[in-house]
Amino acid sequence: MIRRILKVMTAILTLLPKRLSLLLYELNSNTNCTWQIALRYCIVGSLCKAIGHNVYIGKRVTLKNIENITIGDNVSIHDMCYIDGYGGIKIGNNVSIAHNTSILTSTHTWSDQSIPIKYNQVIAGKVVIEDDVWIGCAVRILYKVTIGQRSVIAAGTVVTTNLQSGWLGAGIPMKHKKKLEDW
């Protein structure tokens, strides 16, 4: 019954102009009241490529270029995360993203010295987070990275390269630290 209600609310929200939907999202992002969590889910579902069931989006989560983001089932994105889908993001099933994490899908170049760096070309690169991944708090995932299934990224890690399935990644920059099955 609840799924059906959420599906209808999401369908209704798709009829709103994008700017109005984004405003509604911002107005409902300051607390974790049950109804606000449900409304955030519906708003995000109306704007992103796809969203699965049982998705939690915490308070003060910033979502940029949301139309390029796909979210699977049983995903939790905790408070104060920053996620920019400019280059595309695919989040698999059973993924937990702890608070204060950033996922960036683009980077600036600096080769044209005649203009400031911030006006140089921007390069996009998709981020893929496969199924059954736990991302610790304050992790930074940079563009063009794949996190393999059943993996863990330790708190405070800066991810600049792919993480193979079944590994713990940690450090700045991230390195493969330990195979999870060895624990």
N, C-alpha and C. Protein backbone atom coordinates (compact mmCIF):
# COMPACT_ATOMS: atom_id res chain seq x y z
N MET A 1 0.81 -1.19 0.00
CA MET A 1 0.00 0.00 0.00
C MET A 1 0.87 1.27 0.00
N ILE A 2 1.90 1.30 0.86
CA ILE A 2 2.78 2.46 0.94
C ILE A 2 3.51 2.65 -0.39
N ARG A 3 4.01 1.56 -0.97
CA ARG A 3 4.71 1.66 -2.26
C ARG A 3 3.81 2.28 -3.32
N ARG A 4 2.56 1.88 -3.32
CA ARG A 4 1.61 2.40 -4.30
C ARG A 4 1.41 3.91 -4.11
N ILE A 5 1.30 4.34 -2.86
CA ILE A 5 1.13 5.77 -2.56
C ILE A 5 2.37 6.55 -3.02
N LEU A 6 3.55 6.02 -2.70
CA LEU A 6 4.79 6.68 -3.10
C LEU A 6 4.91 6.75 -4.62
N LYS A 7 4.49 5.69 -5.29
CA LYS A 7 4.53 5.66 -6.76
C LYS A 7 3.61 6.73 -7.35
N VAL A 8 2.42 6.87 -6.79
CA VAL A 8 1.46 7.88 -7.27
C VAL A 8 2.01 9.29 -7.00
N MET A 9 2.56 9.50 -5.80
CA MET A 9 3.14 10.82 -5.48
C MET A 9 4.28 11.16 -6.43
N THR A 10 5.12 10.17 -6.72
CA THR A 10 6.24 10.39 -7.64
C THR A 10 5.72 10.75 -9.02
N ALA A 11 4.70 10.05 -9.48
CA ALA A 11 4.11 10.33 -10.80
C ALA A 11 3.54 11.75 -10.85
N ILE A 12 2.89 12.18 -9.79
CA ILE A 12 2.33 13.53 -9.74
C ILE A 12 3.46 14.56 -9.79
N LEU A 13 4.54 14.30 -9.05
CA LEU A 13 5.66 15.24 -9.01
C LEU A 13 6.36 15.37 -10.35
N THR A 14 6.31 14.34 -11.19
CA THR A 14 6.93 14.44 -12.52
C THR A 14 6.23 15.48 -13.38
N LEU A 15 5.00 15.86 -13.03
CA LEU A 15 4.26 16.86 -13.79
C LEU A 15 4.71 18.29 -13.46
N LEU A 16 5.39 18.45 -12.33
CA LEU A 16 5.85 19.79 -11.92
C LEU A 16 7.08 20.20 -12.73
N PRO A 17 7.26 21.51 -12.91
CA PRO A 17 8.51 21.98 -13.51
C PRO A 17 9.69 21.58 -12.63
N LYS A 18 10.82 21.30 -13.26
CA LYS A 18 12.01 20.85 -12.53
C LYS A 18 12.40 21.85 -11.43
N ARG A 19 12.34 23.13 -11.73
CA ARG A 19 12.73 24.15 -10.75
C ARG A 19 11.86 24.08 -9.49
N LEU A 20 10.57 23.83 -9.68
CA LEU A 20 9.67 23.74 -8.55
C LEU A 20 9.96 22.48 -7.73
N SER A 21 10.23 21.38 -8.41
CA SER A 21 10.58 20.14 -7.70
C SER A 21 11.85 20.31 -6.89
N LEU A 22 12.85 20.98 -7.47
CA LEU A 22 14.10 21.21 -6.75
C LEU A 22 13.88 22.13 -5.55
N LEU A 23 13.00 23.11 -5.70
CA LEU A 23 12.67 23.99 -4.57
C LEU A 23 11.99 23.19 -3.46
N LEU A 24 11.04 22.33 -3.82
CA LEU A 24 10.39 21.46 -2.82
C LEU A 24 11.40 20.58 -2.10
N TYR A 25 12.36 20.06 -2.86
CA TYR A 25 13.41 19.23 -2.26
C TYR A 25 14.19 20.04 -1.23
N GLU A 26 14.62 21.24 -1.61
CA GLU A 26 15.38 22.10 -0.70
C GLU A 26 14.57 22.44 0.55
N LEU A 27 13.30 22.73 0.39
CA LEU A 27 12.45 23.10 1.53
C LEU A 27 12.22 21.92 2.48
N ASN A 28 12.40 20.70 1.99
CA ASN A 28 12.16 19.52 2.81
C ASN A 28 13.44 18.76 3.14
N SER A 29 14.57 19.47 3.14
CA SER A 29 15.82 18.75 3.38
C SER A 29 16.45 19.05 4.75
N ASN A 30 15.75 19.75 5.62
CA ASN A 30 16.38 20.15 6.88
C ASN A 30 16.11 19.23 8.07
N THR A 31 15.18 18.33 7.97
CA THR A 31 14.94 17.41 9.08
C THR A 31 14.70 16.00 8.54
N ASN A 32 14.71 15.05 9.44
CA ASN A 32 14.47 13.66 9.06
C ASN A 32 13.12 13.16 9.57
N CYS A 33 12.09 14.01 9.49
CA CYS A 33 10.74 13.55 9.81
C CYS A 33 10.33 12.51 8.77
N THR A 34 9.56 11.55 9.18
CA THR A 34 9.17 10.46 8.29
C THR A 34 8.54 10.97 7.01
N TRP A 35 7.63 11.94 7.12
CA TRP A 35 6.95 12.43 5.93
C TRP A 35 7.91 13.17 5.01
N GLN A 36 8.93 13.84 5.57
CA GLN A 36 9.90 14.53 4.73
C GLN A 36 10.82 13.54 4.01
N ILE A 37 11.17 12.46 4.69
CA ILE A 37 11.98 11.42 4.04
C ILE A 37 11.20 10.84 2.86
N ALA A 38 9.91 10.58 3.07
CA ALA A 38 9.06 10.05 1.99
C ALA A 38 8.94 11.05 0.85
N LEU A 39 8.76 12.31 1.18
CA LEU A 39 8.64 13.33 0.13
C LEU A 39 9.95 13.48 -0.64
N ARG A 40 11.09 13.46 0.05
CA ARG A 40 12.39 13.53 -0.65
C ARG A 40 12.54 12.36 -1.60
N TYR A 41 12.15 11.17 -1.16
CA TYR A 41 12.21 9.99 -2.03
C TYR A 41 11.40 10.22 -3.30
N CYS A 42 10.18 10.73 -3.15
CA CYS A 42 9.30 10.95 -4.30
C CYS A 42 9.86 12.03 -5.23
N ILE A 43 10.37 13.10 -4.66
CA ILE A 43 10.93 14.18 -5.48
C ILE A 43 12.14 13.67 -6.26
N VAL A 44 13.05 12.98 -5.57
CA VAL A 44 14.23 12.45 -6.26
C VAL A 44 13.80 11.45 -7.33
N GLY A 45 12.82 10.61 -7.01
CA GLY A 45 12.32 9.64 -7.99
C GLY A 45 11.74 10.29 -9.22
N SER A 46 11.18 11.49 -9.06
CA SER A 46 10.59 12.18 -10.20
C SER A 46 11.64 12.87 -11.06
N LEU A 47 12.84 13.05 -10.54
CA LEU A 47 13.88 13.80 -11.25
C LEU A 47 15.03 12.95 -11.78
N CYS A 48 15.37 11.85 -11.09
CA CYS A 48 16.54 11.07 -11.49
C CYS A 48 16.18 10.07 -12.59
N LYS A 49 17.22 9.41 -13.15
CA LYS A 49 16.99 8.41 -14.20
C LYS A 49 16.11 7.28 -13.69
N ALA A 50 16.45 6.75 -12.51
CA ALA A 50 15.68 5.65 -11.91
C ALA A 50 16.00 5.59 -10.43
N ILE A 51 15.01 5.11 -9.66
CA ILE A 51 15.20 4.94 -8.22
C ILE A 51 14.50 3.65 -7.80
N GLY A 52 15.16 2.88 -6.96
CA GLY A 52 14.60 1.62 -6.49
C GLY A 52 13.71 1.80 -5.27
N HIS A 53 13.39 0.68 -4.64
CA HIS A 53 12.56 0.67 -3.44
C HIS A 53 13.45 0.81 -2.20
N ASN A 54 12.86 1.30 -1.13
CA ASN A 54 13.54 1.40 0.17
C ASN A 54 14.83 2.23 0.07
N VAL A 55 14.69 3.44 -0.43
CA VAL A 55 15.81 4.36 -0.55
C VAL A 55 15.64 5.46 0.49
N TYR A 56 16.67 5.66 1.30
CA TYR A 56 16.68 6.70 2.34
C TYR A 56 17.62 7.80 1.90
N ILE A 57 17.13 9.03 1.89
CA ILE A 57 17.96 10.20 1.60
C ILE A 57 17.87 11.11 2.81
N GLY A 58 18.97 11.24 3.52
CA GLY A 58 19.01 11.99 4.77
C GLY A 58 18.89 13.49 4.57
N LYS A 59 18.93 14.20 5.69
CA LYS A 59 18.78 15.65 5.63
C LYS A 59 20.05 16.32 5.09
N ARG A 60 19.81 17.44 4.45
CA ARG A 60 20.87 18.27 3.86
C ARG A 60 21.75 17.52 2.86
N VAL A 61 21.20 16.57 2.14
CA VAL A 61 21.91 15.91 1.05
C VAL A 61 21.76 16.78 -0.19
N THR A 62 22.88 17.17 -0.79
CA THR A 62 22.86 17.98 -2.00
C THR A 62 22.98 17.06 -3.20
N LEU A 63 22.05 17.18 -4.13
CA LEU A 63 22.04 16.38 -5.35
C LEU A 63 22.08 17.33 -6.55
N LYS A 64 23.17 17.34 -7.29
CA LYS A 64 23.32 18.17 -8.48
C LYS A 64 23.23 17.27 -9.72
N ASN A 65 22.74 17.83 -10.81
CA ASN A 65 22.61 17.08 -12.06
C ASN A 65 21.94 15.74 -11.82
N ILE A 66 20.85 15.80 -11.09
CA ILE A 66 20.14 14.61 -10.62
C ILE A 66 19.62 13.73 -11.75
N GLU A 67 19.37 14.34 -12.91
CA GLU A 67 18.84 13.58 -14.04
C GLU A 67 19.83 12.54 -14.57
N ASN A 68 21.08 12.59 -14.13
CA ASN A 68 22.10 11.63 -14.55
C ASN A 68 22.40 10.58 -13.48
N ILE A 69 21.54 10.48 -12.49
CA ILE A 69 21.78 9.57 -11.36
C ILE A 69 20.77 8.43 -11.37
N THR A 70 21.27 7.20 -11.18
CA THR A 70 20.45 6.00 -11.03
C THR A 70 20.74 5.42 -9.65
N ILE A 71 19.67 5.11 -8.90
CA ILE A 71 19.81 4.59 -7.54
C ILE A 71 19.05 3.26 -7.47
N GLY A 72 19.69 2.22 -6.95
CA GLY A 72 19.08 0.90 -6.83
C GLY A 72 18.21 0.76 -5.59
N ASP A 73 17.91 -0.49 -5.23
CA ASP A 73 17.08 -0.82 -4.06
C ASP A 73 17.93 -0.83 -2.79
N ASN A 74 17.27 -0.54 -1.66
CA ASN A 74 17.91 -0.62 -0.33
C ASN A 74 19.18 0.21 -0.24
N VAL A 75 19.06 1.46 -0.62
CA VAL A 75 20.19 2.39 -0.61
C VAL A 75 19.94 3.44 0.47
N SER A 76 20.98 3.75 1.24
CA SER A 76 20.88 4.84 2.20
C SER A 76 21.98 5.85 1.91
N ILE A 77 21.55 7.10 1.77
CA ILE A 77 22.47 8.22 1.56
C ILE A 77 22.27 9.12 2.78
N HIS A 78 23.21 9.11 3.67
CA HIS A 78 23.05 9.77 4.96
C HIS A 78 23.31 11.28 4.90
N ASP A 79 23.06 11.93 6.00
CA ASP A 79 23.06 13.39 6.10
C ASP A 79 24.32 14.04 5.54
N MET A 80 24.10 15.20 4.94
CA MET A 80 25.14 16.13 4.48
C MET A 80 26.07 15.57 3.41
N CYS A 81 25.59 14.66 2.58
CA CYS A 81 26.37 14.19 1.44
C CYS A 81 26.23 15.18 0.28
N TYR A 82 27.23 15.21 -0.59
CA TYR A 82 27.21 16.04 -1.79
C TYR A 82 27.43 15.10 -2.97
N ILE A 83 26.45 15.04 -3.85
CA ILE A 83 26.51 14.11 -4.98
C ILE A 83 26.21 14.88 -6.26
N ASP A 84 27.18 14.91 -7.18
CA ASP A 84 27.02 15.62 -8.44
C ASP A 84 27.07 14.63 -9.59
N GLY A 85 25.94 14.46 -10.26
CA GLY A 85 25.81 13.49 -11.33
C GLY A 85 26.16 14.00 -12.71
N TYR A 86 26.92 15.07 -12.83
CA TYR A 86 27.25 15.67 -14.12
C TYR A 86 27.72 14.62 -15.13
N GLY A 87 28.65 13.76 -14.74
CA GLY A 87 29.19 12.73 -15.64
C GLY A 87 28.47 11.40 -15.55
N GLY A 88 27.46 11.30 -14.69
CA GLY A 88 26.68 10.07 -14.53
C GLY A 88 27.09 9.30 -13.29
N ILE A 89 26.08 8.84 -12.55
CA ILE A 89 26.31 8.02 -11.37
C ILE A 89 25.33 6.86 -11.39
N LYS A 90 25.85 5.66 -11.14
CA LYS A 90 25.00 4.49 -10.99
C LYS A 90 25.31 3.88 -9.63
N ILE A 91 24.31 3.86 -8.75
CA ILE A 91 24.44 3.28 -7.42
C ILE A 91 23.64 1.99 -7.42
N GLY A 92 24.28 0.88 -7.11
CA GLY A 92 23.63 -0.43 -7.13
C GLY A 92 22.72 -0.65 -5.94
N ASN A 93 22.38 -1.90 -5.70
CA ASN A 93 21.50 -2.31 -4.60
C ASN A 93 22.30 -2.52 -3.31
N ASN A 94 21.63 -2.31 -2.18
CA ASN A 94 22.21 -2.58 -0.86
C ASN A 94 23.50 -1.80 -0.62
N VAL A 95 23.41 -0.50 -0.89
CA VAL A 95 24.56 0.40 -0.73
C VAL A 95 24.27 1.36 0.41
N SER A 96 25.27 1.56 1.27
CA SER A 96 25.16 2.54 2.35
C SER A 96 26.25 3.58 2.17
N ILE A 97 25.84 4.84 2.08
CA ILE A 97 26.76 5.95 1.93
C ILE A 97 26.66 6.79 3.20
N ALA A 98 27.72 6.77 4.00
CA ALA A 98 27.69 7.45 5.30
C ALA A 98 27.74 8.97 5.14
N HIS A 99 27.45 9.66 6.23
CA HIS A 99 27.34 11.12 6.22
C HIS A 99 28.61 11.81 5.76
N ASN A 100 28.38 12.99 5.18
CA ASN A 100 29.45 13.90 4.77
C ASN A 100 30.34 13.34 3.66
N THR A 101 29.78 12.48 2.82
CA THR A 101 30.52 11.91 1.69
C THR A 101 30.26 12.74 0.45
N SER A 102 31.26 12.85 -0.42
CA SER A 102 31.11 13.55 -1.70
C SER A 102 31.38 12.58 -2.85
N ILE A 103 30.54 12.66 -3.88
CA ILE A 103 30.76 11.90 -5.10
C ILE A 103 30.77 12.91 -6.24
N LEU A 104 31.91 13.02 -6.92
CA LEU A 104 32.10 14.00 -7.99
C LEU A 104 32.35 13.27 -9.30
N THR A 105 31.69 13.72 -10.35
CA THR A 105 31.80 13.03 -11.64
C THR A 105 32.41 13.92 -12.72
N SER A 106 33.16 14.92 -12.30
CA SER A 106 33.85 15.79 -13.25
C SER A 106 35.09 16.38 -12.60
N THR A 107 35.95 16.94 -13.44
CA THR A 107 37.15 17.61 -12.95
C THR A 107 37.49 18.74 -13.91
N HIS A 108 38.16 19.74 -13.41
CA HIS A 108 38.63 20.84 -14.25
C HIS A 108 39.99 20.51 -14.83
N THR A 109 40.21 20.97 -16.05
CA THR A 109 41.55 20.94 -16.62
C THR A 109 42.19 22.29 -16.32
N TRP A 110 43.45 22.42 -16.63
CA TRP A 110 44.15 23.68 -16.40
C TRP A 110 45.16 23.98 -17.50
N SER A 111 44.96 23.37 -18.65
CA SER A 111 45.94 23.49 -19.73
C SER A 111 45.92 24.84 -20.45
N ASP A 112 44.77 25.50 -20.51
CA ASP A 112 44.69 26.79 -21.18
C ASP A 112 45.08 27.89 -20.19
N GLN A 113 46.32 28.34 -20.29
CA GLN A 113 46.84 29.31 -19.33
C GLN A 113 46.35 30.74 -19.58
N SER A 114 45.64 30.95 -20.68
CA SER A 114 45.15 32.29 -20.99
C SER A 114 43.87 32.63 -20.23
N ILE A 115 43.26 31.61 -19.59
CA ILE A 115 42.04 31.85 -18.81
C ILE A 115 42.19 31.22 -17.44
N PRO A 116 41.44 31.71 -16.44
CA PRO A 116 41.51 31.10 -15.11
C PRO A 116 41.14 29.61 -15.14
N ILE A 117 41.69 28.86 -14.23
CA ILE A 117 41.44 27.42 -14.17
C ILE A 117 39.95 27.12 -14.11
N LYS A 118 39.20 27.90 -13.34
CA LYS A 118 37.78 27.61 -13.19
C LYS A 118 37.00 27.73 -14.50
N TYR A 119 37.60 28.39 -15.52
CA TYR A 119 36.95 28.50 -16.82
C TYR A 119 37.53 27.54 -17.85
N ASN A 120 38.52 26.75 -17.47
CA ASN A 120 39.07 25.74 -18.36
C ASN A 120 38.04 24.63 -18.57
N GLN A 121 38.31 23.80 -19.54
CA GLN A 121 37.40 22.70 -19.89
C GLN A 121 37.15 21.79 -18.69
N VAL A 122 35.91 21.34 -18.57
CA VAL A 122 35.52 20.37 -17.55
C VAL A 122 35.40 19.01 -18.22
N ILE A 123 35.99 17.99 -17.59
CA ILE A 123 35.94 16.63 -18.11
C ILE A 123 35.02 15.81 -17.22
N ALA A 124 34.07 15.10 -17.84
CA ALA A 124 33.12 14.26 -17.09
C ALA A 124 33.59 12.81 -17.09
N GLY A 125 33.25 12.09 -16.05
CA GLY A 125 33.58 10.67 -15.95
C GLY A 125 32.61 9.99 -14.99
N LYS A 126 31.98 8.94 -15.44
CA LYS A 126 30.94 8.25 -14.67
C LYS A 126 31.52 7.57 -13.43
N VAL A 127 30.73 7.58 -12.36
CA VAL A 127 31.04 6.83 -11.14
C VAL A 127 30.04 5.70 -11.02
N VAL A 128 30.54 4.49 -10.82
CA VAL A 128 29.69 3.31 -10.64
C VAL A 128 29.99 2.71 -9.27
N ILE A 129 28.94 2.56 -8.49
CA ILE A 129 29.04 1.88 -7.19
C ILE A 129 28.20 0.62 -7.32
N GLU A 130 28.85 -0.51 -7.35
CA GLU A 130 28.14 -1.77 -7.56
C GLU A 130 27.39 -2.20 -6.29
N ASP A 131 26.73 -3.37 -6.33
CA ASP A 131 25.90 -3.86 -5.23
C ASP A 131 26.72 -4.17 -3.98
N ASP A 132 26.05 -4.01 -2.82
CA ASP A 132 26.59 -4.43 -1.52
C ASP A 132 27.89 -3.70 -1.18
N VAL A 133 27.82 -2.38 -1.15
CA VAL A 133 28.99 -1.54 -0.85
C VAL A 133 28.68 -0.67 0.35
N TRP A 134 29.66 -0.54 1.23
CA TRP A 134 29.56 0.34 2.38
C TRP A 134 30.62 1.42 2.21
N ILE A 135 30.19 2.67 2.18
CA ILE A 135 31.09 3.80 2.05
C ILE A 135 31.09 4.54 3.38
N GLY A 136 32.24 4.62 4.03
CA GLY A 136 32.35 5.25 5.34
C GLY A 136 32.17 6.76 5.27
N CYS A 137 32.14 7.38 6.44
CA CYS A 137 31.87 8.83 6.50
C CYS A 137 33.04 9.64 5.94
N ALA A 138 32.70 10.78 5.38
CA ALA A 138 33.66 11.76 4.85
C ALA A 138 34.57 11.19 3.77
N VAL A 139 34.05 10.27 2.97
CA VAL A 139 34.79 9.73 1.83
C VAL A 139 34.62 10.68 0.65
N ARG A 140 35.64 10.81 -0.16
CA ARG A 140 35.58 11.60 -1.39
C ARG A 140 35.81 10.65 -2.56
N ILE A 141 34.80 10.48 -3.40
CA ILE A 141 34.91 9.63 -4.59
C ILE A 141 35.00 10.56 -5.79
N LEU A 142 36.11 10.49 -6.51
CA LEU A 142 36.33 11.37 -7.64
C LEU A 142 35.91 10.71 -8.95
N TYR A 143 35.88 11.48 -10.00
CA TYR A 143 35.30 11.06 -11.27
C TYR A 143 36.00 9.83 -11.86
N LYS A 144 35.25 9.10 -12.69
CA LYS A 144 35.79 7.98 -13.48
C LYS A 144 36.25 6.82 -12.59
N VAL A 145 35.42 6.46 -11.59
CA VAL A 145 35.79 5.41 -10.64
C VAL A 145 34.68 4.38 -10.57
N THR A 146 35.06 3.11 -10.43
CA THR A 146 34.10 2.03 -10.17
C THR A 146 34.47 1.37 -8.85
N ILE A 147 33.46 1.22 -7.99
CA ILE A 147 33.64 0.52 -6.72
C ILE A 147 33.00 -0.85 -6.90
N GLY A 148 33.81 -1.90 -6.81
CA GLY A 148 33.33 -3.26 -7.03
C GLY A 148 32.37 -3.73 -5.95
N GLN A 149 31.60 -4.75 -6.27
CA GLN A 149 30.58 -5.25 -5.34
C GLN A 149 31.19 -5.83 -4.08
N ARG A 150 30.39 -5.80 -3.01
CA ARG A 150 30.75 -6.29 -1.68
C ARG A 150 32.10 -5.72 -1.23
N SER A 151 32.18 -4.40 -1.26
CA SER A 151 33.40 -3.70 -0.88
C SER A 151 33.11 -2.69 0.23
N VAL A 152 34.17 -2.29 0.90
CA VAL A 152 34.07 -1.28 1.96
C VAL A 152 35.12 -0.22 1.69
N ILE A 153 34.72 1.04 1.85
CA ILE A 153 35.67 2.15 1.75
C ILE A 153 35.73 2.80 3.13
N ALA A 154 36.91 2.83 3.71
CA ALA A 154 37.10 3.34 5.07
C ALA A 154 36.82 4.84 5.14
N ALA A 155 36.42 5.30 6.31
CA ALA A 155 36.14 6.71 6.55
C ALA A 155 37.34 7.58 6.17
N GLY A 156 37.07 8.72 5.56
CA GLY A 156 38.11 9.68 5.24
C GLY A 156 38.93 9.37 4.00
N THR A 157 38.59 8.34 3.29
CA THR A 157 39.34 7.92 2.11
C THR A 157 39.06 8.83 0.93
N VAL A 158 40.08 9.06 0.10
CA VAL A 158 39.91 9.77 -1.17
C VAL A 158 40.09 8.74 -2.28
N VAL A 159 39.00 8.46 -2.99
CA VAL A 159 38.99 7.40 -4.01
C VAL A 159 39.30 8.02 -5.37
N THR A 160 40.45 7.67 -5.92
CA THR A 160 40.86 8.18 -7.23
C THR A 160 41.02 7.08 -8.27
N THR A 161 40.97 5.82 -7.82
CA THR A 161 41.09 4.67 -8.72
C THR A 161 40.01 3.65 -8.37
N ASN A 162 39.81 2.69 -9.25
CA ASN A 162 38.80 1.65 -9.03
C ASN A 162 39.15 0.78 -7.81
N LEU A 163 38.10 0.30 -7.14
CA LEU A 163 38.27 -0.65 -6.05
C LEU A 163 37.70 -1.98 -6.49
N GLN A 164 38.51 -3.02 -6.45
CA GLN A 164 38.06 -4.35 -6.87
C GLN A 164 37.00 -4.89 -5.92
N SER A 165 36.19 -5.79 -6.43
CA SER A 165 35.15 -6.43 -5.62
C SER A 165 35.77 -7.16 -4.44
N GLY A 166 35.11 -7.05 -3.28
CA GLY A 166 35.52 -7.80 -2.09
C GLY A 166 36.70 -7.23 -1.34
N TRP A 167 37.02 -5.98 -1.53
CA TRP A 167 38.18 -5.39 -0.87
C TRP A 167 37.80 -4.24 0.04
N LEU A 168 38.65 -3.98 1.03
CA LEU A 168 38.59 -2.77 1.84
C LEU A 168 39.58 -1.80 1.22
N GLY A 169 39.09 -0.60 0.89
CA GLY A 169 39.94 0.46 0.37
C GLY A 169 40.07 1.55 1.42
N ALA A 170 41.28 2.09 1.58
CA ALA A 170 41.51 3.14 2.58
C ALA A 170 42.71 3.97 2.18
N GLY A 171 42.74 5.20 2.71
CA GLY A 171 43.91 6.05 2.53
C GLY A 171 43.67 7.22 1.61
N ILE A 172 44.70 8.08 1.54
CA ILE A 172 44.68 9.25 0.67
C ILE A 172 45.97 9.23 -0.14
N PRO A 173 45.92 8.86 -1.40
CA PRO A 173 44.77 8.31 -2.12
C PRO A 173 44.50 6.87 -1.70
N MET A 174 43.32 6.37 -2.06
CA MET A 174 42.90 5.02 -1.66
C MET A 174 43.84 3.95 -2.24
N LYS A 175 44.08 2.96 -1.39
CA LYS A 175 44.81 1.77 -1.81
C LYS A 175 44.00 0.55 -1.36
N HIS A 176 44.17 -0.56 -2.05
CA HIS A 176 43.54 -1.82 -1.63
C HIS A 176 44.27 -2.28 -0.37
N LYS A 177 43.56 -2.33 0.76
CA LYS A 177 44.20 -2.64 2.04
C LYS A 177 44.08 -4.10 2.43
N LYS A 178 42.89 -4.67 2.25
CA LYS A 178 42.68 -6.03 2.73
C LYS A 178 41.51 -6.65 2.00
N LYS A 179 41.65 -7.93 1.66
CA LYS A 179 40.55 -8.68 1.06
C LYS A 179 39.56 -8.99 2.19
N LEU A 180 38.29 -8.71 1.97
CA LEU A 180 37.30 -8.86 3.04
C LEU A 180 37.18 -10.30 3.52
N GLU A 181 37.33 -11.25 2.65
CA GLU A 181 37.20 -12.66 3.06
C GLU A 181 38.33 -13.09 3.99
N ASP A 182 39.42 -12.32 4.05
CA ASP A 182 40.55 -12.64 4.94
C ASP A 182 40.32 -12.24 6.37
N TRP A 183 39.25 -11.48 6.64
CA TRP A 183 39.00 -11.04 8.02
C TRP A 183 38.42 -12.14 8.81
